Each structure stands twice: as C-alpha cells, then as structure tokens.
C-alpha cells in the first residue's frame, strides 16, 4: 500500500492540500486558545501594592510643582503601573567648604530636592518589583517621566 496514491491522497483518504488546510486551521485555533488563556492567567496573578520613594536631586521648584498626585509614569509608548501618590520638596543640599577647608552641606538658594512617592502594583509572587519593564531596587537610577515632566531620579526606599 502506498502512502500517497496517484490522486494525491494520503492512505487513500485525505488530499495533501486538504490536510495542510485542516492542520493550519487547527494550529490557528490552538494558538488563539493559548493566547486567550495566557491573558486569563495574567489577570489571575496576586498583585500587591508597593510604595517606591524616588529622590530627584537639584531641580528647579517648577519641576516639583508640575508633578501632580495621580500622574502616571510613562515608558516607551504607554503608561505603566506606577502612579504618583505624593510629591514633596526641600532646598537642595550641596557641598560647600567651611573657612577651615572642611566639606559641609549647604542649602542651595534656588534648586530643590524632590521626593516622589509612587504606588506600584506588581506580582506578589515575583521576587522583583516591576515598574512597567523596569525593576525597582533601592539605589537604581531611573527616568521619572510623566506626560509633563522628565527628570532623573534615584530610588531611595521601597515599602510594602
């Protein structure tokens, strides 16, 4: 018995072209089901809120005033899971020299150190806290970007 007969049928039952079309449809159905199931699994994650504190050192006061509670962080082409919950600022501390030559901290007359508390929602079971595609770790320098502000900052604290 031939595997493919003279009419192009496999084992005399199904045409090769028909078999290819059937396998393609089954593959598309399986892929679609996997894609839908993948989204359902993502929505079933146990999410936890974290408060990430970011220090943006030595910026003008209008930068701090432009950052608003409720502003979302922006990364790439979309907003991410980081929302500003509190903004405060104080006079920036800069290095200066005393009369005896020792280094002392002084308040800058114009620049401000901005402290931003951000609420981040991340998967509770993941050992890393994710802010969009970026992981949040103390000491990490990140770009604080909203729809109106873009400045550099350093993560100085993470609270559960």
C-alpha atoms as a PDB file:
ATOM      1  CA  UNK A   1       0.000   0.000   0.000  1.00  0.00           C
ATOM      2  CA  UNK A   2       1.323   3.408  -0.990  1.00  0.00           C
ATOM      3  CA  UNK A   3       1.396   6.304   1.486  1.00  0.00           C
ATOM      4  CA  UNK A   4       0.330   8.766  -1.222  1.00  0.00           C
ATOM      5  CA  UNK A   5      -1.699   7.381  -4.123  1.00  0.00           C
ATOM      6  CA  UNK A   6      -1.900   8.698  -7.715  1.00  0.00           C
ATOM      7  CA  UNK A   7      -4.746  11.089  -6.766  1.00  0.00           C
ATOM      8  CA  UNK A   8      -2.573  12.778  -4.089  1.00  0.00           C
ATOM      9  CA  UNK A   9      -4.464  11.278  -1.168  1.00  0.00           C
ATOM     10  CA  UNK A  10      -2.683  10.116   1.975  1.00  0.00           C
ATOM     11  CA  UNK A  11      -3.541   6.437   2.604  1.00  0.00           C
ATOM     12  CA  UNK A  12      -6.311   6.940   0.021  1.00  0.00           C
ATOM     13  CA  UNK A  13      -8.335   9.035   2.494  1.00  0.00           C
ATOM     14  CA  UNK A  14      -7.352  12.722   2.541  1.00  0.00           C
ATOM     15  CA  UNK A  15      -5.808  15.004  -0.069  1.00  0.00           C
ATOM     16  CA  UNK A  16      -2.450  16.559   0.984  1.00  0.00           C
ATOM     17  CA  UNK A  17      -3.715  20.115   0.349  1.00  0.00           C
ATOM     18  CA  UNK A  18      -6.847  19.461   2.433  1.00  0.00           C
ATOM     19  CA  UNK A  19      -4.735  18.004   5.236  1.00  0.00           C
ATOM     20  CA  UNK A  20      -2.497  21.091   5.203  1.00  0.00           C
ATOM     21  CA  UNK A  21      -5.535  23.385   5.397  1.00  0.00           C
ATOM     22  CA  UNK A  22      -7.017  21.361   8.271  1.00  0.00           C
ATOM     23  CA  UNK A  23      -3.703  21.444  10.186  1.00  0.00           C
ATOM     24  CA  UNK A  24      -3.430  25.206   9.606  1.00  0.00           C
ATOM     25  CA  UNK A  25      -6.932  25.819  10.979  1.00  0.00           C
ATOM     26  CA  UNK A  26      -6.258  23.575  13.990  1.00  0.00           C
ATOM     27  CA  UNK A  27      -2.955  25.391  14.618  1.00  0.00           C
ATOM     28  CA  UNK A  28      -4.685  28.780  14.500  1.00  0.00           C
ATOM     29  CA  UNK A  29      -7.385  27.573  16.892  1.00  0.00           C
ATOM     30  CA  UNK A  30      -4.798  26.193  19.315  1.00  0.00           C
ATOM     31  CA  UNK A  31      -2.798  29.439  19.139  1.00  0.00           C
ATOM     32  CA  UNK A  32      -5.916  31.530  19.746  1.00  0.00           C
ATOM     33  CA  UNK A  33      -6.916  29.433  22.746  1.00  0.00           C
ATOM     34  CA  UNK A  34      -3.391  29.687  24.155  1.00  0.00           C
ATOM     35  CA  UNK A  35      -3.407  33.475  23.685  1.00  0.00           C
ATOM     36  CA  UNK A  36      -6.755  33.863  25.466  1.00  0.00           C
ATOM     37  CA  UNK A  37      -5.687  31.529  28.274  1.00  0.00           C
ATOM     38  CA  UNK A  38      -2.408  33.451  28.660  1.00  0.00           C
ATOM     39  CA  UNK A  39      -4.333  36.705  29.249  1.00  0.00           C
ATOM     40  CA  UNK A  40      -6.585  34.971  31.792  1.00  0.00           C
ATOM     41  CA  UNK A  41      -3.532  33.670  33.676  1.00  0.00           C
ATOM     42  CA  UNK A  42      -2.072  37.179  33.795  1.00  0.00           C
ATOM     43  CA  UNK A  43      -5.282  38.560  35.290  1.00  0.00           C
ATOM     44  CA  UNK A  44      -5.274  35.832  37.964  1.00  0.00           C
ATOM     45  CA  UNK A  45      -1.935  36.938  39.429  1.00  0.00           C
ATOM     46  CA  UNK A  46      -1.995  38.029  43.025  1.00  0.00           C
ATOM     47  CA  UNK A  47      -1.000  41.680  42.795  1.00  0.00           C
ATOM     48  CA  UNK A  48       0.431  43.731  45.634  1.00  0.00           C
ATOM     49  CA  UNK A  49       0.900  47.471  46.045  1.00  0.00           C
ATOM     50  CA  UNK A  50       4.287  48.892  46.940  1.00  0.00           C
ATOM     51  CA  UNK A  51       5.308  52.457  47.709  1.00  0.00           C
ATOM     52  CA  UNK A  52       8.522  53.418  45.965  1.00  0.00           C
ATOM     53  CA  UNK A  53      10.225  56.680  47.017  1.00  0.00           C
ATOM     54  CA  UNK A  54      12.323  58.421  44.395  1.00  0.00           C
ATOM     55  CA  UNK A  55      14.666  61.364  45.028  1.00  0.00           C
ATOM     56  CA  UNK A  56      15.262  63.768  42.176  1.00  0.00           C
ATOM     57  CA  UNK A  57      18.181  65.922  43.295  1.00  0.00           C
ATOM     58  CA  UNK A  58      18.757  69.578  42.440  1.00  0.00           C
ATOM     59  CA  UNK A  59      15.896  70.634  40.172  1.00  0.00           C
ATOM     60  CA  UNK A  60      14.020  73.904  39.913  1.00  0.00           C
ATOM     61  CA  UNK A  61      10.896  74.285  42.046  1.00  0.00           C
ATOM     62  CA  UNK A  62       8.610  74.432  38.994  1.00  0.00           C
ATOM     63  CA  UNK A  63       9.536  70.797  38.234  1.00  0.00           C
ATOM     64  CA  UNK A  64       8.191  69.746  41.637  1.00  0.00           C
ATOM     65  CA  UNK A  65       5.064  71.839  41.165  1.00  0.00           C
ATOM     66  CA  UNK A  66       4.429  70.263  37.757  1.00  0.00           C
ATOM     67  CA  UNK A  67       4.414  66.736  39.233  1.00  0.00           C
ATOM     68  CA  UNK A  68       0.883  66.005  40.456  1.00  0.00           C
ATOM     69  CA  UNK A  69      -0.675  63.302  42.589  1.00  0.00           C
ATOM     70  CA  UNK A  70      -2.350  60.828  40.247  1.00  0.00           C
ATOM     71  CA  UNK A  71       0.117  61.343  37.372  1.00  0.00           C
ATOM     72  CA  UNK A  72       1.152  58.049  35.781  1.00  0.00           C
ATOM     73  CA  UNK A  73       4.680  57.186  34.713  1.00  0.00           C
ATOM     74  CA  UNK A  74       5.233  56.867  31.000  1.00  0.00           C
ATOM     75  CA  UNK A  75       7.642  54.416  29.401  1.00  0.00           C
ATOM     76  CA  UNK A  76       8.134  53.685  25.709  1.00  0.00           C
ATOM     77  CA  UNK A  77       4.769  54.319  24.113  1.00  0.00           C
ATOM     78  CA  UNK A  78       2.423  53.753  27.024  1.00  0.00           C
ATOM     79  CA  UNK A  79       1.716  54.497  30.668  1.00  0.00           C
ATOM     80  CA  UNK A  80       2.928  51.926  33.189  1.00  0.00           C
ATOM     81  CA  UNK A  81       1.801  50.603  36.600  1.00  0.00           C
ATOM     82  CA  UNK A  82       3.358  53.478  38.577  1.00  0.00           C
ATOM     83  CA  UNK A  83       1.181  56.325  39.874  1.00  0.00           C
ATOM     84  CA  UNK A  84       2.402  59.330  41.864  1.00  0.00           C
ATOM     85  CA  UNK A  85       0.819  59.314  45.331  1.00  0.00           C
ATOM     86  CA  UNK A  86       2.772  62.176  46.944  1.00  0.00           C
ATOM     87  CA  UNK A  87       5.249  64.892  45.956  1.00  0.00           C
ATOM     88  CA  UNK A  88       7.339  66.942  48.381  1.00  0.00           C
ATOM     89  CA  UNK A  89      10.470  69.029  48.042  1.00  0.00           C
ATOM     90  CA  UNK A  90      13.039  70.865  50.112  1.00  0.00           C
ATOM     91  CA  UNK A  91      16.050  73.049  49.486  1.00  0.00           C
ATOM     92  CA  UNK A  92      18.749  71.090  47.690  1.00  0.00           C
ATOM     93  CA  UNK A  93      21.778  70.189  49.732  1.00  0.00           C
ATOM     94  CA  UNK A  94      25.070  70.928  48.013  1.00  0.00           C
ATOM     95  CA  UNK A  95      28.682  70.532  49.026  1.00  0.00           C
ATOM     96  CA  UNK A  96      30.422  73.619  50.297  1.00  0.00           C
ATOM     97  CA  UNK A  97      33.625  74.460  52.094  1.00  0.00           C
ATOM     98  CA  UNK A  98      33.945  75.940  55.564  1.00  0.00           C
ATOM     99  CA  UNK A  99      36.638  78.501  56.372  1.00  0.00           C
ATOM    100  CA  UNK A 100      38.874  75.750  57.736  1.00  0.00           C
ATOM    101  CA  UNK A 101      38.630  73.789  54.447  1.00  0.00           C
ATOM    102  CA  UNK A 102      36.269  71.043  55.635  1.00  0.00           C
ATOM    103  CA  UNK A 103      33.393  69.988  53.402  1.00  0.00           C
ATOM    104  CA  UNK A 104      29.954  70.962  54.682  1.00  0.00           C
ATOM    105  CA  UNK A 105      26.454  70.649  53.266  1.00  0.00           C
ATOM    106  CA  UNK A 106      24.712  73.888  52.422  1.00  0.00           C
ATOM    107  CA  UNK A 107      21.215  74.679  51.199  1.00  0.00           C
ATOM    108  CA  UNK A 108      21.068  75.813  47.599  1.00  0.00           C
ATOM    109  CA  UNK A 109      19.231  79.135  47.270  1.00  0.00           C
ATOM    110  CA  UNK A 110      17.239  78.068  44.174  1.00  0.00           C
ATOM    111  CA  UNK A 111      17.399  74.327  43.479  1.00  0.00           C
ATOM    112  CA  UNK A 112      15.205  71.768  45.250  1.00  0.00           C
ATOM    113  CA  UNK A 113      15.494  68.078  46.086  1.00  0.00           C
ATOM    114  CA  UNK A 114      12.194  66.484  45.022  1.00  0.00           C
ATOM    115  CA  UNK A 115      10.819  63.394  46.772  1.00  0.00           C
ATOM    116  CA  UNK A 116       8.213  61.426  44.838  1.00  0.00           C
ATOM    117  CA  UNK A 117       6.216  58.591  46.391  1.00  0.00           C
ATOM    118  CA  UNK A 118       4.911  56.260  43.726  1.00  0.00           C
ATOM    119  CA  UNK A 119       2.348  53.476  44.125  1.00  0.00           C
ATOM    120  CA  UNK A 120       3.431  50.457  42.103  1.00  0.00           C
ATOM    121  CA  UNK A 121       1.325  47.339  41.556  1.00  0.00           C
ATOM    122  CA  UNK A 122       3.406  44.213  40.978  1.00  0.00           C
ATOM    123  CA  UNK A 123       3.011  40.427  41.108  1.00  0.00           C
ATOM    124  CA  UNK A 124       3.245  39.365  44.753  1.00  0.00           C
ATOM    125  CA  UNK A 125       4.977  36.080  43.890  1.00  0.00           C
ATOM    126  CA  UNK A 126       7.661  37.690  41.730  1.00  0.00           C
ATOM    127  CA  UNK A 127      10.853  38.375  43.717  1.00  0.00           C
ATOM    128  CA  UNK A 128      11.324  41.620  41.767  1.00  0.00           C
ATOM    129  CA  UNK A 129       9.046  44.657  41.907  1.00  0.00           C
ATOM    130  CA  UNK A 130       8.317  45.780  38.356  1.00  0.00           C
ATOM    131  CA  UNK A 131       7.538  49.293  37.174  1.00  0.00           C
ATOM    132  CA  UNK A 132       6.494  48.501  33.627  1.00  0.00           C
ATOM    133  CA  UNK A 133       9.560  46.824  32.067  1.00  0.00           C
ATOM    134  CA  UNK A 134      11.917  48.166  34.754  1.00  0.00           C
ATOM    135  CA  UNK A 135      12.619  46.501  38.086  1.00  0.00           C
ATOM    136  CA  UNK A 136      12.567  48.720  41.169  1.00  0.00           C
ATOM    137  CA  UNK A 137      15.538  48.367  43.517  1.00  0.00           C
ATOM    138  CA  UNK A 138      16.940  50.806  46.049  1.00  0.00           C
ATOM    139  CA  UNK A 139      19.832  52.760  44.567  1.00  0.00           C
ATOM    140  CA  UNK A 140      18.669  52.351  40.963  1.00  0.00           C
ATOM    141  CA  UNK A 141      18.681  55.475  38.836  1.00  0.00           C
ATOM    142  CA  UNK A 142      15.558  55.805  36.721  1.00  0.00           C
ATOM    143  CA  UNK A 143      13.922  58.340  34.473  1.00  0.00           C
ATOM    144  CA  UNK A 144      10.844  59.842  36.089  1.00  0.00           C
ATOM    145  CA  UNK A 145       8.680  60.541  33.060  1.00  0.00           C
ATOM    146  CA  UNK A 146       5.063  61.652  33.089  1.00  0.00           C
ATOM    147  CA  UNK A 147       3.059  63.385  30.393  1.00  0.00           C
ATOM    148  CA  UNK A 148       4.569  66.741  31.514  1.00  0.00           C
ATOM    149  CA  UNK A 149       7.909  66.039  33.250  1.00  0.00           C
ATOM    150  CA  UNK A 150      11.049  64.027  32.532  1.00  0.00           C
ATOM    151  CA  UNK A 151      13.860  64.068  35.115  1.00  0.00           C
ATOM    152  CA  UNK A 152      16.421  61.667  36.539  1.00  0.00           C
ATOM    153  CA  UNK A 153      15.862  60.189  39.979  1.00  0.00           C
ATOM    154  CA  UNK A 154      17.206  57.574  42.352  1.00  0.00           C
ATOM    155  CA  UNK A 155      15.049  55.044  44.197  1.00  0.00           C
ATOM    156  CA  UNK A 156      15.791  55.585  47.888  1.00  0.00           C
ATOM    157  CA  UNK A 157      13.125  53.449  49.587  1.00  0.00           C
ATOM    158  CA  UNK A 158      10.571  50.692  48.927  1.00  0.00           C
ATOM    159  CA  UNK A 159       7.755  49.907  51.364  1.00  0.00           C
ATOM    160  CA  UNK A 160       5.093  47.201  51.225  1.00  0.00           C
END
